């Protein structure tokens, strides 16, 4: 489904600010995998997502998605294959446009996008049904400007937009980090429901160990631009935060000794 082969990325190469962000990462996701990615600040979590999305080019290695080589494809050409939700609820939506207009843009992902032809009644009904499933009452506010929504409502809408046309890969970059705990839990539940219902192949970056353990069928921990822990299946189901911390320290120490 998704293959990263020996990926390297260095920022500010050749300067005093040189930073090796990704250090030989190889990763393979199967169709329908829901992988949580955890690690400290600067571990390389968000950089991996940005490399997949084409925000930054890789220095070495290649990226393939469904047998399509994305490595040198520009960001806008990758967009039709990807759904993405960012940490900032203000990103991913157009604040001055209505809810239904934002959904219409998302519905036309990968096509020539514009609202000149208008939104059909059948399309509007689809949006109402999808919004109603969120349980936030947004189906009754279809023409409201998105900028008037709360952070949680906006993030839930962004999540819906990212999955409206089933993406080949869903990228979630700490998409609940800016929300209050109650709203974050609600958005995570919605995420789990959408991913499970549509069997979406998903990479979810999080700082929260409990969330990383609770959600998904596989967990990856990164440190210093490398994958140091990779757990799935029954082992992941039995995992505790304490177990995870112990694994992290053991693998980090082993990595340091091997250098």
C-alpha atoms as a PDB file:
ATOM      1  CA  UNK A   1       0.000   0.000   0.000  1.00  0.00           C
ATOM      2  CA  UNK A   2       2.603   2.533   1.178  1.00  0.00           C
ATOM      3  CA  UNK A   3       6.336   1.927   0.981  1.00  0.00           C
ATOM      4  CA  UNK A   4       9.117   4.176   2.229  1.00  0.00           C
ATOM      5  CA  UNK A   5      12.501   2.840   1.167  1.00  0.00           C
ATOM      6  CA  UNK A   6      15.630   4.088   2.971  1.00  0.00           C
ATOM      7  CA  UNK A   7      14.466   7.695   3.297  1.00  0.00           C
ATOM      8  CA  UNK A   8      16.890  10.456   4.329  1.00  0.00           C
ATOM      9  CA  UNK A   9      16.204  14.140   4.895  1.00  0.00           C
ATOM     10  CA  UNK A  10      18.566  16.839   6.177  1.00  0.00           C
ATOM     11  CA  UNK A  11      17.608  20.467   6.679  1.00  0.00           C
ATOM     12  CA  UNK A  12      20.099  23.365   6.326  1.00  0.00           C
ATOM     13  CA  UNK A  13      22.790  21.017   5.031  1.00  0.00           C
ATOM     14  CA  UNK A  14      26.311  22.399   5.198  1.00  0.00           C
ATOM     15  CA  UNK A  15      25.450  25.111   7.724  1.00  0.00           C
ATOM     16  CA  UNK A  16      25.810  25.425  11.495  1.00  0.00           C
ATOM     17  CA  UNK A  17      22.075  24.682  11.686  1.00  0.00           C
ATOM     18  CA  UNK A  18      22.350  21.368   9.845  1.00  0.00           C
ATOM     19  CA  UNK A  19      19.778  18.888  11.142  1.00  0.00           C
ATOM     20  CA  UNK A  20      19.391  15.265  10.052  1.00  0.00           C
ATOM     21  CA  UNK A  21      15.619  14.938  10.409  1.00  0.00           C
ATOM     22  CA  UNK A  22      15.112  11.504   8.841  1.00  0.00           C
ATOM     23  CA  UNK A  23      17.873   8.917   8.989  1.00  0.00           C
ATOM     24  CA  UNK A  24      17.342   5.892   6.752  1.00  0.00           C
ATOM     25  CA  UNK A  25      13.670   5.179   7.448  1.00  0.00           C
ATOM     26  CA  UNK A  26      12.059   2.209   5.708  1.00  0.00           C
ATOM     27  CA  UNK A  27       8.401   1.474   6.345  1.00  0.00           C
ATOM     28  CA  UNK A  28       5.679  -0.574   4.691  1.00  0.00           C
ATOM     29  CA  UNK A  29       1.949  -0.208   5.366  1.00  0.00           C
ATOM     30  CA  UNK A  30      -0.592  -2.784   4.246  1.00  0.00           C
ATOM     31  CA  UNK A  31      -4.008  -1.871   2.887  1.00  0.00           C
ATOM     32  CA  UNK A  32      -6.253  -0.833   5.803  1.00  0.00           C
ATOM     33  CA  UNK A  33      -3.463  -0.391   8.364  1.00  0.00           C
ATOM     34  CA  UNK A  34      -4.121   2.286  11.014  1.00  0.00           C
ATOM     35  CA  UNK A  35      -0.660   3.193  12.281  1.00  0.00           C
ATOM     36  CA  UNK A  36      -0.044   5.571  15.173  1.00  0.00           C
ATOM     37  CA  UNK A  37       3.307   7.365  15.195  1.00  0.00           C
ATOM     38  CA  UNK A  38       4.759   8.655  18.450  1.00  0.00           C
ATOM     39  CA  UNK A  39       8.024  10.230  19.580  1.00  0.00           C
ATOM     40  CA  UNK A  40       9.505  13.313  21.205  1.00  0.00           C
ATOM     41  CA  UNK A  41       9.943  16.760  19.681  1.00  0.00           C
ATOM     42  CA  UNK A  42      12.306  16.577  16.732  1.00  0.00           C
ATOM     43  CA  UNK A  43      11.962  12.802  16.390  1.00  0.00           C
ATOM     44  CA  UNK A  44      10.881  13.135  12.743  1.00  0.00           C
ATOM     45  CA  UNK A  45       7.172  12.316  13.038  1.00  0.00           C
ATOM     46  CA  UNK A  46       5.721  15.296  11.175  1.00  0.00           C
ATOM     47  CA  UNK A  47       8.647  15.341   8.740  1.00  0.00           C
ATOM     48  CA  UNK A  48       7.712  11.841   7.580  1.00  0.00           C
ATOM     49  CA  UNK A  49       4.165  13.026   6.827  1.00  0.00           C
ATOM     50  CA  UNK A  50       5.491  16.101   5.014  1.00  0.00           C
ATOM     51  CA  UNK A  51       7.803  13.955   2.897  1.00  0.00           C
ATOM     52  CA  UNK A  52       4.920  11.660   1.942  1.00  0.00           C
ATOM     53  CA  UNK A  53       2.712  14.658   1.103  1.00  0.00           C
ATOM     54  CA  UNK A  54       5.466  16.305  -0.946  1.00  0.00           C
ATOM     55  CA  UNK A  55       5.863  19.400   1.228  1.00  0.00           C
ATOM     56  CA  UNK A  56       9.612  18.655   1.257  1.00  0.00           C
ATOM     57  CA  UNK A  57      11.611  16.561  -1.237  1.00  0.00           C
ATOM     58  CA  UNK A  58      13.538  13.546   0.056  1.00  0.00           C
ATOM     59  CA  UNK A  59      17.352  13.646  -0.133  1.00  0.00           C
ATOM     60  CA  UNK A  60      17.637   9.897  -0.688  1.00  0.00           C
ATOM     61  CA  UNK A  61      15.278   6.945  -0.988  1.00  0.00           C
ATOM     62  CA  UNK A  62      11.867   6.612  -2.596  1.00  0.00           C
ATOM     63  CA  UNK A  63       8.175   6.694  -1.712  1.00  0.00           C
ATOM     64  CA  UNK A  64       5.564   4.500  -3.381  1.00  0.00           C
ATOM     65  CA  UNK A  65       1.812   4.423  -2.871  1.00  0.00           C
ATOM     66  CA  UNK A  66      -0.241   1.730  -4.603  1.00  0.00           C
ATOM     67  CA  UNK A  67       2.624   1.115  -7.056  1.00  0.00           C
ATOM     68  CA  UNK A  68       2.768   4.822  -7.918  1.00  0.00           C
ATOM     69  CA  UNK A  69       6.179   6.414  -7.421  1.00  0.00           C
ATOM     70  CA  UNK A  70       5.510   9.622  -5.485  1.00  0.00           C
ATOM     71  CA  UNK A  71       9.177  10.435  -4.868  1.00  0.00           C
ATOM     72  CA  UNK A  72       9.493  13.274  -7.375  1.00  0.00           C
ATOM     73  CA  UNK A  73       5.801  14.084  -7.814  1.00  0.00           C
ATOM     74  CA  UNK A  74       4.931  17.682  -6.803  1.00  0.00           C
ATOM     75  CA  UNK A  75       2.688  18.241  -3.798  1.00  0.00           C
ATOM     76  CA  UNK A  76      -0.403  19.280  -5.786  1.00  0.00           C
ATOM     77  CA  UNK A  77      -0.253  16.107  -7.891  1.00  0.00           C
ATOM     78  CA  UNK A  78      -0.070  13.909  -4.795  1.00  0.00           C
ATOM     79  CA  UNK A  79      -3.164  15.575  -3.313  1.00  0.00           C
ATOM     80  CA  UNK A  80      -5.610  13.384  -5.238  1.00  0.00           C
ATOM     81  CA  UNK A  81      -4.230  10.304  -3.492  1.00  0.00           C
ATOM     82  CA  UNK A  82      -4.052  11.751   0.016  1.00  0.00           C
ATOM     83  CA  UNK A  83      -6.339  13.063   2.737  1.00  0.00           C
ATOM     84  CA  UNK A  84      -4.725  15.208   5.413  1.00  0.00           C
ATOM     85  CA  UNK A  85      -5.730  16.842   8.696  1.00  0.00           C
ATOM     86  CA  UNK A  86      -3.331  19.257  10.391  1.00  0.00           C
ATOM     87  CA  UNK A  87      -2.752  20.204  14.026  1.00  0.00           C
ATOM     88  CA  UNK A  88      -4.121  23.715  13.478  1.00  0.00           C
ATOM     89  CA  UNK A  89      -7.940  23.660  13.056  1.00  0.00           C
ATOM     90  CA  UNK A  90      -7.592  26.785  10.893  1.00  0.00           C
ATOM     91  CA  UNK A  91      -5.765  24.810   8.204  1.00  0.00           C
ATOM     92  CA  UNK A  92      -7.500  22.565   5.727  1.00  0.00           C
ATOM     93  CA  UNK A  93     -10.661  24.675   5.360  1.00  0.00           C
ATOM     94  CA  UNK A  94     -11.575  27.983   3.735  1.00  0.00           C
ATOM     95  CA  UNK A  95     -12.834  30.231   6.561  1.00  0.00           C
ATOM     96  CA  UNK A  96     -14.783  32.668   4.371  1.00  0.00           C
ATOM     97  CA  UNK A  97     -16.674  29.931   2.540  1.00  0.00           C
ATOM     98  CA  UNK A  98     -19.714  28.005   3.736  1.00  0.00           C
ATOM     99  CA  UNK A  99     -19.678  24.460   5.099  1.00  0.00           C
ATOM    100  CA  UNK A 100     -21.268  23.004   1.976  1.00  0.00           C
ATOM    101  CA  UNK A 101     -18.873  24.946  -0.267  1.00  0.00           C
ATOM    102  CA  UNK A 102     -15.881  23.521   1.613  1.00  0.00           C
ATOM    103  CA  UNK A 103     -17.332  20.028   1.260  1.00  0.00           C
ATOM    104  CA  UNK A 104     -17.882  20.617  -2.455  1.00  0.00           C
ATOM    105  CA  UNK A 105     -14.221  21.512  -2.894  1.00  0.00           C
ATOM    106  CA  UNK A 106     -13.191  18.355  -1.034  1.00  0.00           C
ATOM    107  CA  UNK A 107     -15.637  16.275  -3.102  1.00  0.00           C
ATOM    108  CA  UNK A 108     -13.903  17.490  -6.253  1.00  0.00           C
ATOM    109  CA  UNK A 109     -10.423  16.563  -5.053  1.00  0.00           C
ATOM    110  CA  UNK A 110      -8.279  15.437  -7.979  1.00  0.00           C
ATOM    111  CA  UNK A 111     -10.664  17.052 -10.469  1.00  0.00           C
ATOM    112  CA  UNK A 112     -10.856  20.510 -11.971  1.00  0.00           C
ATOM    113  CA  UNK A 113     -12.309  22.329  -8.985  1.00  0.00           C
ATOM    114  CA  UNK A 114     -14.694  25.228  -9.040  1.00  0.00           C
ATOM    115  CA  UNK A 115     -18.207  26.070  -7.951  1.00  0.00           C
ATOM    116  CA  UNK A 116     -19.358  27.399 -11.291  1.00  0.00           C
ATOM    117  CA  UNK A 117     -21.645  24.420 -11.889  1.00  0.00           C
ATOM    118  CA  UNK A 118     -23.122  24.735  -8.407  1.00  0.00           C
ATOM    119  CA  UNK A 119     -23.980  22.059  -5.877  1.00  0.00           C
ATOM    120  CA  UNK A 120     -26.708  19.646  -6.932  1.00  0.00           C
ATOM    121  CA  UNK A 121     -29.552  18.698  -4.607  1.00  0.00           C
ATOM    122  CA  UNK A 122     -28.284  15.107  -4.583  1.00  0.00           C
ATOM    123  CA  UNK A 123     -24.819  16.311  -3.595  1.00  0.00           C
ATOM    124  CA  UNK A 124     -26.265  18.546  -0.874  1.00  0.00           C
ATOM    125  CA  UNK A 125     -28.212  15.603   0.536  1.00  0.00           C
ATOM    126  CA  UNK A 126     -24.989  13.577   0.679  1.00  0.00           C
ATOM    127  CA  UNK A 127     -23.281  16.359   2.633  1.00  0.00           C
ATOM    128  CA  UNK A 128     -26.196  16.595   5.068  1.00  0.00           C
ATOM    129  CA  UNK A 129     -26.047  12.857   5.728  1.00  0.00           C
ATOM    130  CA  UNK A 130     -22.281  12.912   6.274  1.00  0.00           C
ATOM    131  CA  UNK A 131     -22.513  15.943   8.576  1.00  0.00           C
ATOM    132  CA  UNK A 132     -25.390  14.425  10.563  1.00  0.00           C
ATOM    133  CA  UNK A 133     -23.196  11.393  11.277  1.00  0.00           C
ATOM    134  CA  UNK A 134     -20.747  13.692  13.094  1.00  0.00           C
ATOM    135  CA  UNK A 135     -23.412  14.466  15.711  1.00  0.00           C
ATOM    136  CA  UNK A 136     -22.472  18.155  15.908  1.00  0.00           C
ATOM    137  CA  UNK A 137     -25.569  19.700  14.337  1.00  0.00           C
ATOM    138  CA  UNK A 138     -23.624  20.990  11.341  1.00  0.00           C
ATOM    139  CA  UNK A 139     -26.148  19.506   8.927  1.00  0.00           C
ATOM    140  CA  UNK A 140     -28.485  22.373   9.928  1.00  0.00           C
ATOM    141  CA  UNK A 141     -25.808  25.005   9.242  1.00  0.00           C
ATOM    142  CA  UNK A 142     -24.768  24.113   5.710  1.00  0.00           C
ATOM    143  CA  UNK A 143     -24.456  27.731   4.568  1.00  0.00           C
ATOM    144  CA  UNK A 144     -22.662  28.993   7.697  1.00  0.00           C
ATOM    145  CA  UNK A 145     -19.161  30.347   7.178  1.00  0.00           C
ATOM    146  CA  UNK A 146     -16.556  27.870   8.411  1.00  0.00           C
ATOM    147  CA  UNK A 147     -14.728  30.681  10.207  1.00  0.00           C
ATOM    148  CA  UNK A 148     -17.662  30.885  12.651  1.00  0.00           C
ATOM    149  CA  UNK A 149     -17.225  27.283  13.828  1.00  0.00           C
ATOM    150  CA  UNK A 150     -15.452  26.249  17.021  1.00  0.00           C
ATOM    151  CA  UNK A 151     -12.050  24.566  16.788  1.00  0.00           C
ATOM    152  CA  UNK A 152     -13.556  21.134  17.407  1.00  0.00           C
ATOM    153  CA  UNK A 153     -16.323  21.608  14.837  1.00  0.00           C
ATOM    154  CA  UNK A 154     -13.820  22.845  12.295  1.00  0.00           C
ATOM    155  CA  UNK A 155     -11.455  19.928  12.905  1.00  0.00           C
ATOM    156  CA  UNK A 156     -14.338  17.442  12.594  1.00  0.00           C
ATOM    157  CA  UNK A 157     -15.313  19.113   9.306  1.00  0.00           C
ATOM    158  CA  UNK A 158     -11.709  18.947   8.081  1.00  0.00           C
ATOM    159  CA  UNK A 159     -11.640  15.239   8.943  1.00  0.00           C
ATOM    160  CA  UNK A 160     -14.850  14.708   6.982  1.00  0.00           C
ATOM    161  CA  UNK A 161     -13.428  16.658   4.034  1.00  0.00           C
ATOM    162  CA  UNK A 162     -10.238  14.575   4.084  1.00  0.00           C
ATOM    163  CA  UNK A 163     -12.228  11.337   3.901  1.00  0.00           C
ATOM    164  CA  UNK A 164     -15.208  12.410   1.763  1.00  0.00           C
ATOM    165  CA  UNK A 165     -13.601  10.928  -1.343  1.00  0.00           C
ATOM    166  CA  UNK A 166     -11.852   7.858   0.036  1.00  0.00           C
ATOM    167  CA  UNK A 167      -8.128   8.676  -0.054  1.00  0.00           C
ATOM    168  CA  UNK A 168      -5.483   6.050  -0.733  1.00  0.00           C
ATOM    169  CA  UNK A 169      -3.778   7.283   2.424  1.00  0.00           C
ATOM    170  CA  UNK A 170      -5.010   9.435   5.319  1.00  0.00           C
ATOM    171  CA  UNK A 171      -2.393  11.564   7.116  1.00  0.00           C
ATOM    172  CA  UNK A 172      -3.268  12.904  10.575  1.00  0.00           C
ATOM    173  CA  UNK A 173      -0.658  15.268  11.986  1.00  0.00           C
ATOM    174  CA  UNK A 174      -1.450  15.666  15.715  1.00  0.00           C
ATOM    175  CA  UNK A 175      -4.944  16.668  14.615  1.00  0.00           C
ATOM    176  CA  UNK A 176      -6.329  16.853  18.168  1.00  0.00           C
ATOM    177  CA  UNK A 177      -3.367  18.544  19.886  1.00  0.00           C
ATOM    178  CA  UNK A 178      -4.882  22.058  19.738  1.00  0.00           C
ATOM    179  CA  UNK A 179      -8.265  20.972  21.129  1.00  0.00           C
ATOM    180  CA  UNK A 180      -9.464  20.766  24.721  1.00  0.00           C
ATOM    181  CA  UNK A 181      -9.455  17.189  26.151  1.00  0.00           C
ATOM    182  CA  UNK A 182     -13.205  16.590  25.765  1.00  0.00           C
ATOM    183  CA  UNK A 183     -13.295  17.853  22.183  1.00  0.00           C
ATOM    184  CA  UNK A 184     -10.096  15.961  21.366  1.00  0.00           C
ATOM    185  CA  UNK A 185     -11.710  12.711  22.564  1.00  0.00           C
ATOM    186  CA  UNK A 186     -14.753  13.383  20.381  1.00  0.00           C
ATOM    187  CA  UNK A 187     -12.622  14.020  17.279  1.00  0.00           C
ATOM    188  CA  UNK A 188     -10.553  10.882  17.982  1.00  0.00           C
ATOM    189  CA  UNK A 189     -13.720   8.801  18.259  1.00  0.00           C
ATOM    190  CA  UNK A 190     -14.931  10.233  14.943  1.00  0.00           C
ATOM    191  CA  UNK A 191     -11.548   9.450  13.441  1.00  0.00           C
ATOM    192  CA  UNK A 192     -11.694   5.843  14.599  1.00  0.00           C
ATOM    193  CA  UNK A 193     -15.241   5.437  13.263  1.00  0.00           C
ATOM    194  CA  UNK A 194     -14.401   6.886   9.831  1.00  0.00           C
ATOM    195  CA  UNK A 195     -11.171   4.901   9.493  1.00  0.00           C
ATOM    196  CA  UNK A 196     -12.862   1.645  10.553  1.00  0.00           C
ATOM    197  CA  UNK A 197     -15.985   2.172   8.443  1.00  0.00           C
ATOM    198  CA  UNK A 198     -14.128   2.975   5.228  1.00  0.00           C
ATOM    199  CA  UNK A 199     -11.068   0.789   5.966  1.00  0.00           C
ATOM    200  CA  UNK A 200      -8.776   3.758   5.412  1.00  0.00           C
ATOM    201  CA  UNK A 201      -5.035   3.233   5.414  1.00  0.00           C
ATOM    202  CA  UNK A 202      -3.943   5.807   7.987  1.00  0.00           C
ATOM    203  CA  UNK A 203      -0.844   7.327   9.570  1.00  0.00           C
ATOM    204  CA  UNK A 204      -1.668   9.262  12.752  1.00  0.00           C
ATOM    205  CA  UNK A 205       1.046  11.283  14.482  1.00  0.00           C
ATOM    206  CA  UNK A 206       0.416  11.937  18.177  1.00  0.00           C
ATOM    207  CA  UNK A 207       2.276  13.005  21.318  1.00  0.00           C
ATOM    208  CA  UNK A 208      -0.183  11.134  23.509  1.00  0.00           C
ATOM    209  CA  UNK A 209       1.006   7.624  24.419  1.00  0.00           C
ATOM    210  CA  UNK A 210      -2.419   6.493  25.617  1.00  0.00           C
ATOM    211  CA  UNK A 211      -3.992   7.505  22.299  1.00  0.00           C
ATOM    212  CA  UNK A 212      -1.170   5.842  20.374  1.00  0.00           C
ATOM    213  CA  UNK A 213      -1.860   2.601  22.227  1.00  0.00           C
ATOM    214  CA  UNK A 214      -5.671   2.835  22.142  1.00  0.00           C
ATOM    215  CA  UNK A 215      -6.096   3.549  18.442  1.00  0.00           C
ATOM    216  CA  UNK A 216      -4.960   1.639  15.394  1.00  0.00           C
ATOM    217  CA  UNK A 217      -3.589  -1.833  14.790  1.00  0.00           C
ATOM    218  CA  UNK A 218       0.072  -0.830  14.747  1.00  0.00           C
ATOM    219  CA  UNK A 219       2.302   1.579  16.686  1.00  0.00           C
ATOM    220  CA  UNK A 220       5.601   3.115  15.604  1.00  0.00           C
ATOM    221  CA  UNK A 221       7.904   5.128  17.853  1.00  0.00           C
ATOM    222  CA  UNK A 222      10.512   7.436  16.343  1.00  0.00           C
ATOM    223  CA  UNK A 223      13.665   8.912  17.826  1.00  0.00           C
ATOM    224  CA  UNK A 224      16.350  11.036  16.122  1.00  0.00           C
ATOM    225  CA  UNK A 225      14.865  10.435  12.683  1.00  0.00           C
ATOM    226  CA  UNK A 226      14.654   6.656  13.002  1.00  0.00           C
ATOM    227  CA  UNK A 227      12.005   4.077  13.827  1.00  0.00           C
ATOM    228  CA  UNK A 228      13.056   2.529  17.147  1.00  0.00           C
ATOM    229  CA  UNK A 229       9.862   0.639  18.052  1.00  0.00           C
ATOM    230  CA  UNK A 230       7.357  -1.058  15.733  1.00  0.00           C
ATOM    231  CA  UNK A 231       4.562  -3.035  17.422  1.00  0.00           C
ATOM    232  CA  UNK A 232       1.373  -4.549  16.003  1.00  0.00           C
ATOM    233  CA  UNK A 233      -1.271  -7.201  16.541  1.00  0.00           C
ATOM    234  CA  UNK A 234      -1.670  -8.890  19.917  1.00  0.00           C
ATOM    235  CA  UNK A 235       1.519  -7.320  21.259  1.00  0.00           C
ATOM    236  CA  UNK A 236       0.057  -3.860  20.716  1.00  0.00           C
ATOM    237  CA  UNK A 237      -3.268  -4.774  22.312  1.00  0.00           C
ATOM    238  CA  UNK A 238      -1.489  -5.802  25.532  1.00  0.00           C
ATOM    239  CA  UNK A 239       0.762  -2.753  25.559  1.00  0.00           C
ATOM    240  CA  UNK A 240       0.812  -0.254  28.447  1.00  0.00           C
ATOM    241  CA  UNK A 241       2.408   3.189  28.624  1.00  0.00           C
ATOM    242  CA  UNK A 242       5.039   1.785  30.984  1.00  0.00           C
ATOM    243  CA  UNK A 243       5.844  -1.045  28.548  1.00  0.00           C
ATOM    244  CA  UNK A 244       6.189   1.458  25.737  1.00  0.00           C
ATOM    245  CA  UNK A 245       8.562   3.688  27.691  1.00  0.00           C
ATOM    246  CA  UNK A 246      10.746   0.696  28.575  1.00  0.00           C
ATOM    247  CA  UNK A 247      10.879  -0.421  24.935  1.00  0.00           C
ATOM    248  CA  UNK A 248      11.769   3.096  23.865  1.00  0.00           C
ATOM    249  CA  UNK A 249      14.697   3.343  26.297  1.00  0.00           C
ATOM    250  CA  UNK A 250      16.015  -0.109  25.388  1.00  0.00           C
ATOM    251  CA  UNK A 251      15.862   0.541  21.631  1.00  0.00           C
ATOM    252  CA  UNK A 252      17.268   4.071  21.939  1.00  0.00           C
ATOM    253  CA  UNK A 253      20.212   2.810  23.995  1.00  0.00           C
ATOM    254  CA  UNK A 254      20.838  -0.007  21.514  1.00  0.00           C
ATOM    255  CA  UNK A 255      20.787   2.468  18.631  1.00  0.00           C
ATOM    256  CA  UNK A 256      23.303   4.751  20.362  1.00  0.00           C
ATOM    257  CA  UNK A 257      25.655   1.862  21.125  1.00  0.00           C
ATOM    258  CA  UNK A 258      25.601   0.713  17.500  1.00  0.00           C
ATOM    259  CA  UNK A 259      26.775   4.090  16.202  1.00  0.00           C
END
